[in-house]
C-alpha cells in the first residue's frame, strides 16, 4: 500500500506522493486510475516531490491522463505546502520543475491550510494570434479577453482551440478572462485534464500578464470558480520578471492505496 495526500489549490486538486520516503514512478495507467473521480482517488493531476541535488525538492508533475507536464502553478503551491507538512520546509523553499528553477515562500495558517507564493520564470510579452494571445507560463496558454467569462461555452470552444493545428503536437491550454472592479475573472480549459478546471495557476498567471500588457497594471487579484489568487510582476521593455503567484493550498485528506 502506498501513502498519498490529496491537496487542492482553489479547487485545482492533486494527488501528492512523497518521493523522499518511498521511491515511486507510477505508470500512465496507474496515474489515470488514481486521478479518475469515479473509481479512483480523483484529481486534476498527480505530483511526486523527490530529492534534488541542488534544490529542496524536485516536482514531478503528471496530468490526469498520465501525460507528463513541465509546470503547474497551483500544483507547485500544493507541493510546497506538502513539503512543509512533511516537516522539511522552512519559510523559503527552492524547487526544480520541468521548466526550471522556482522559489517559494510558505506560511502555515492551520494544520491543513497554507498560504504559498511561488515564482514563475521570466517571460517575454505575449504574442498576438488571431483574437487571442499566446504565452508560455511553464505550459502554453492561449488567452482571450472577453466581456463576460460566465457566458463562454467552454465545453464547445475549449476542445476546438485546445486541439487547433496551430498548436500541435503539444496542444495548448485555453483561457478566457474578463475585467471587473478590482480584479479579473478567469476560466481555463486544461489539456491533459480535457475539461474546465476550477482554477489553473499558470492560466491565471497568463491572464494577469496579458492584462498587465494591455492595461499597464502589475498587480492583479484573480477570481476563479475555485477561489481567489493573486499575481504580481514587473515589466521592462518586452519582458516580464519577478512574477509571483500566491494563494491558499489546502490538505483535503490522506490515506493509503493499492493503485500504485
Protein backbone atom coordinates (compact mmCIF):
# COMPACT_ATOMS: atom_id res chain seq x y z
CA UNK A 1 0.00 0.00 0.00
CA UNK A 2 1.26 3.45 -0.93
CA UNK A 3 0.61 6.53 1.19
CA UNK A 4 -0.88 9.53 -0.60
CA UNK A 5 -2.05 13.03 0.24
CA UNK A 6 -4.83 14.92 -1.51
CA UNK A 7 -4.37 18.70 -1.80
CA UNK A 8 -6.14 21.43 -3.68
CA UNK A 9 -5.29 24.99 -4.61
CA UNK A 10 -8.53 26.94 -5.11
CA UNK A 11 -10.29 23.78 -6.30
CA UNK A 12 -7.47 22.60 -8.59
CA UNK A 13 -6.83 19.21 -6.94
CA UNK A 14 -3.82 16.91 -6.85
CA UNK A 15 -2.61 13.59 -5.51
CA UNK A 16 0.76 14.10 -3.77
CA UNK A 17 3.29 11.29 -3.29
CA UNK A 18 6.34 11.51 -1.01
CA UNK A 19 9.35 10.57 -3.10
CA UNK A 20 11.69 11.14 -0.15
CA UNK A 21 10.42 8.17 1.85
CA UNK A 22 9.19 5.91 -0.96
CA UNK A 23 10.66 5.64 -4.43
CA UNK A 24 7.72 5.51 -6.84
CA UNK A 25 7.27 6.04 -10.56
CA UNK A 26 3.66 5.19 -11.39
CA UNK A 27 2.74 4.04 -14.86
CA UNK A 28 0.50 6.08 -17.15
CA UNK A 29 -2.41 3.74 -16.46
CA UNK A 30 -1.88 3.92 -12.70
CA UNK A 31 -1.96 7.72 -12.86
CA UNK A 32 -5.17 7.63 -14.89
CA UNK A 33 -6.72 5.16 -12.44
CA UNK A 34 -5.73 7.24 -9.42
CA UNK A 35 -6.98 10.53 -10.90
CA UNK A 36 -10.32 9.09 -12.03
CA UNK A 37 -13.00 10.77 -9.94
CA UNK A 38 -15.41 7.85 -10.20
CA UNK A 39 -13.25 4.82 -9.43
CA UNK A 40 -10.01 6.29 -8.06
CA UNK A 41 -8.91 8.97 -5.64
CA UNK A 42 -9.90 11.72 -8.07
CA UNK A 43 -7.69 14.64 -9.10
CA UNK A 44 -6.68 17.02 -11.88
CA UNK A 45 -3.13 15.69 -11.65
CA UNK A 46 -0.55 13.68 -9.71
CA UNK A 47 2.66 15.08 -8.23
CA UNK A 48 5.74 13.41 -6.82
CA UNK A 49 8.11 15.52 -4.72
CA UNK A 50 11.54 13.92 -4.88
CA UNK A 51 15.09 14.66 -3.68
CA UNK A 52 17.15 17.12 -5.73
CA UNK A 53 20.90 17.68 -5.74
CA UNK A 54 20.73 21.47 -5.90
CA UNK A 55 17.22 22.36 -4.61
CA UNK A 56 15.00 21.45 -1.70
CA UNK A 57 12.99 19.14 -3.94
CA UNK A 58 12.07 18.24 -7.49
CA UNK A 59 8.42 18.50 -8.52
CA UNK A 60 7.44 15.77 -11.00
CA UNK A 61 4.01 16.54 -12.41
CA UNK A 62 1.58 14.37 -14.38
CA UNK A 63 -1.76 15.39 -15.87
CA UNK A 64 -4.84 13.32 -15.12
CA UNK A 65 -4.44 11.50 -18.45
CA UNK A 66 -0.99 10.32 -17.40
CA UNK A 67 0.98 12.70 -19.62
CA UNK A 68 3.94 14.48 -18.06
CA UNK A 69 3.83 18.28 -17.86
CA UNK A 70 6.58 20.83 -17.29
CA UNK A 71 4.90 23.09 -14.74
CA UNK A 72 1.69 23.55 -12.76
CA UNK A 73 1.15 26.75 -10.79
CA UNK A 74 -1.37 25.51 -8.25
CA UNK A 75 0.33 22.11 -8.16
CA UNK A 76 3.62 23.75 -7.27
CA UNK A 77 1.97 25.68 -4.44
CA UNK A 78 0.45 22.43 -3.13
CA UNK A 79 3.86 20.75 -3.45
CA UNK A 80 5.45 23.42 -1.26
CA UNK A 81 2.66 23.03 1.31
CA UNK A 82 3.17 19.25 1.24
CA UNK A 83 6.92 19.67 1.72
CA UNK A 84 6.13 21.87 4.75
CA UNK A 85 3.64 19.28 6.07
CA UNK A 86 6.38 16.63 5.97
CA UNK A 87 8.44 18.85 8.26
CA UNK A 88 11.11 19.54 5.65
CA UNK A 89 10.45 23.18 4.78
CA UNK A 90 11.45 26.48 6.28
CA UNK A 91 9.83 29.77 5.28
CA UNK A 92 11.66 29.86 1.94
CA UNK A 93 11.84 26.87 -0.41
CA UNK A 94 13.55 26.22 -3.74
CA UNK A 95 12.43 23.53 -6.15
CA UNK A 96 13.05 22.39 -9.69
CA UNK A 97 10.27 21.64 -12.17
CA UNK A 98 10.23 20.73 -15.84
CA UNK A 99 10.58 24.39 -16.83
CA UNK A 100 13.44 25.19 -14.47
CA UNK A 101 14.12 26.61 -11.03
CA UNK A 102 11.48 28.17 -8.77
CA UNK A 103 11.42 29.81 -5.36
CA UNK A 104 8.55 29.89 -2.90
CA UNK A 105 7.57 31.25 0.48
CA UNK A 106 5.17 29.31 2.69
CA UNK A 107 3.11 30.36 5.70
CA UNK A 108 1.18 27.82 7.75
CA UNK A 109 -2.36 29.06 8.52
CA UNK A 110 -3.68 25.92 10.24
CA UNK A 111 -2.98 22.18 10.36
CA UNK A 112 -4.47 21.74 6.88
CA UNK A 113 -4.05 25.15 5.24
CA UNK A 114 -1.07 27.12 3.98
CA UNK A 115 -0.56 30.31 2.03
CA UNK A 116 2.09 29.80 -0.64
CA UNK A 117 3.69 32.22 -3.07
CA UNK A 118 5.74 30.75 -5.94
CA UNK A 119 7.95 32.38 -8.53
CA UNK A 120 7.28 31.98 -12.25
CA UNK A 121 10.21 32.19 -14.66
CA UNK A 122 10.86 35.45 -16.55
CA UNK A 123 8.84 35.67 -19.76
CA UNK A 124 8.63 37.66 -22.98
CA UNK A 125 5.47 39.60 -23.85
CA UNK A 126 2.51 37.53 -25.11
CA UNK A 127 2.25 37.06 -28.87
CA UNK A 128 -0.99 38.10 -30.60
CA UNK A 129 -2.52 35.27 -32.60
CA UNK A 130 -5.93 35.95 -34.13
CA UNK A 131 -8.18 37.38 -31.41
CA UNK A 132 -6.11 35.88 -28.59
CA UNK A 133 -2.64 35.98 -27.02
CA UNK A 134 -0.18 33.09 -26.75
CA UNK A 135 2.16 32.87 -23.76
CA UNK A 136 4.03 30.02 -22.08
CA UNK A 137 3.95 30.38 -18.28
CA UNK A 138 5.59 26.98 -17.79
CA UNK A 139 2.99 25.44 -20.07
CA UNK A 140 1.44 27.11 -23.16
CA UNK A 141 -1.74 29.17 -22.78
CA UNK A 142 -3.99 30.83 -25.34
CA UNK A 143 -5.62 33.80 -23.61
CA UNK A 144 -8.83 35.58 -24.65
CA UNK A 145 -10.13 38.86 -23.22
CA UNK A 146 -13.96 38.80 -23.26
CA UNK A 147 -16.77 40.92 -21.86
CA UNK A 148 -18.15 38.19 -19.56
CA UNK A 149 -16.45 34.83 -18.92
CA UNK A 150 -19.61 33.40 -17.35
CA UNK A 151 -21.33 33.07 -20.75
CA UNK A 152 -18.44 31.28 -22.51
CA UNK A 153 -19.31 27.72 -23.59
CA UNK A 154 -16.04 26.07 -22.55
CA UNK A 155 -17.27 22.55 -23.35
CA UNK A 156 -17.59 23.56 -27.00
CA UNK A 157 -14.86 26.13 -27.51
CA UNK A 158 -12.26 24.54 -25.23
CA UNK A 159 -11.66 21.26 -27.12
CA UNK A 160 -11.65 23.02 -30.52
CA UNK A 161 -8.97 25.54 -29.53
CA UNK A 162 -7.00 23.08 -27.39
CA UNK A 163 -6.60 20.84 -30.47
CA UNK A 164 -6.09 23.63 -33.02
CA UNK A 165 -3.50 22.53 -35.59
CA UNK A 166 -1.54 25.76 -34.98
CA UNK A 167 -0.51 24.46 -31.54
CA UNK A 168 0.23 20.83 -32.35
CA UNK A 169 1.77 18.48 -31.42
CA UNK A 170 1.94 19.80 -27.86
CA UNK A 171 -1.51 21.42 -27.76
CA UNK A 172 -2.46 24.43 -25.67
CA UNK A 173 -4.43 25.37 -22.56
CA UNK A 174 -7.20 27.85 -23.28
CA UNK A 175 -8.15 30.76 -21.00
CA UNK A 176 -10.83 33.43 -21.00
CA UNK A 177 -10.78 36.44 -18.70
CA UNK A 178 -12.99 39.45 -18.16
CA UNK A 179 -12.50 42.59 -16.12
CA UNK A 180 -14.48 43.53 -13.04
CA UNK A 181 -13.84 46.14 -10.34
CA UNK A 182 -10.58 45.41 -8.53
CA UNK A 183 -9.86 42.09 -10.22
CA UNK A 184 -10.08 39.86 -13.26
CA UNK A 185 -12.27 36.79 -13.61
CA UNK A 186 -10.66 33.72 -15.23
CA UNK A 187 -11.83 30.38 -16.61
CA UNK A 188 -9.50 27.73 -18.07
CA UNK A 189 -9.84 24.63 -20.23
CA UNK A 190 -6.81 22.43 -19.46
CA UNK A 191 -5.17 19.98 -21.79
CA UNK A 192 -4.32 16.72 -20.06
CA UNK A 193 -7.45 17.11 -17.96
CA UNK A 194 -9.52 17.74 -21.10
CA UNK A 195 -12.05 19.77 -19.17
CA UNK A 196 -12.54 23.04 -17.36
CA UNK A 197 -10.77 23.10 -14.01
CA UNK A 198 -11.95 25.14 -11.04
CA UNK A 199 -8.66 27.03 -11.15
CA UNK A 200 -5.36 26.96 -13.05
CA UNK A 201 -2.27 28.64 -11.62
CA UNK A 202 -0.33 29.00 -14.87
CA UNK A 203 -3.60 30.07 -16.53
CA UNK A 204 -4.37 32.90 -14.13
CA UNK A 205 -0.73 33.98 -14.41
CA UNK A 206 -1.04 34.03 -18.21
CA UNK A 207 -4.21 36.12 -17.99
CA UNK A 208 -2.66 38.54 -15.49
CA UNK A 209 0.33 39.08 -17.78
CA UNK A 210 -1.90 39.74 -20.78
CA UNK A 211 -3.96 42.14 -18.66
CA UNK A 212 -0.75 43.79 -17.50
CA UNK A 213 0.38 44.31 -21.07
CA UNK A 214 -2.99 45.73 -22.15
CA UNK A 215 -3.82 47.85 -19.11
CA UNK A 216 -0.39 48.69 -17.62
CA UNK A 217 -1.04 47.24 -14.17
CA UNK A 218 1.45 44.89 -12.47
CA UNK A 219 -0.66 43.52 -9.61
CA UNK A 220 -3.88 41.59 -10.10
CA UNK A 221 -6.43 39.92 -7.84
CA UNK A 222 -7.85 36.90 -9.64
CA UNK A 223 -11.28 35.34 -9.21
CA UNK A 224 -11.77 31.71 -10.34
CA UNK A 225 -14.56 29.21 -9.81
CA UNK A 226 -12.49 27.63 -7.04
CA UNK A 227 -11.39 30.75 -5.20
CA UNK A 228 -9.13 33.78 -5.28
CA UNK A 229 -5.47 34.08 -6.24
CA UNK A 230 -3.03 36.95 -6.70
CA UNK A 231 -0.42 37.59 -9.40
CA UNK A 232 2.23 40.31 -9.30
CA UNK A 233 5.17 41.06 -11.60
CA UNK A 234 7.42 43.72 -13.02
CA UNK A 235 7.64 44.73 -16.66
CA UNK A 236 10.61 46.11 -18.54
CA UNK A 237 10.63 46.66 -22.29
CA UNK A 238 9.45 43.47 -23.96
CA UNK A 239 9.64 41.16 -20.95
CA UNK A 240 8.12 40.35 -17.55
CA UNK A 241 10.21 39.47 -14.50
CA UNK A 242 9.80 38.87 -10.75
CA UNK A 243 6.50 37.08 -11.49
CA UNK A 244 4.78 35.67 -8.39
CA UNK A 245 1.62 33.60 -7.94
CA UNK A 246 0.13 33.39 -4.46
CA UNK A 247 -2.88 31.86 -2.76
CA UNK A 248 -4.09 29.06 -0.48
CA UNK A 249 -3.06 25.40 -0.58
CA UNK A 250 -5.23 23.03 1.43
CA UNK A 251 -4.87 19.41 2.55
CA UNK A 252 -8.18 17.63 1.83
CA UNK A 253 -7.33 14.17 3.18
CA UNK A 254 -4.65 11.46 3.22
CA UNK A 255 -4.71 7.70 3.05
CA UNK A 256 -3.22 4.55 1.52
CA UNK A 257 -3.95 2.99 -1.85
CA UNK A 258 -3.03 -0.17 -3.76
CA UNK A 259 -3.35 1.60 -7.13
CA UNK A 260 0.42 2.13 -7.34
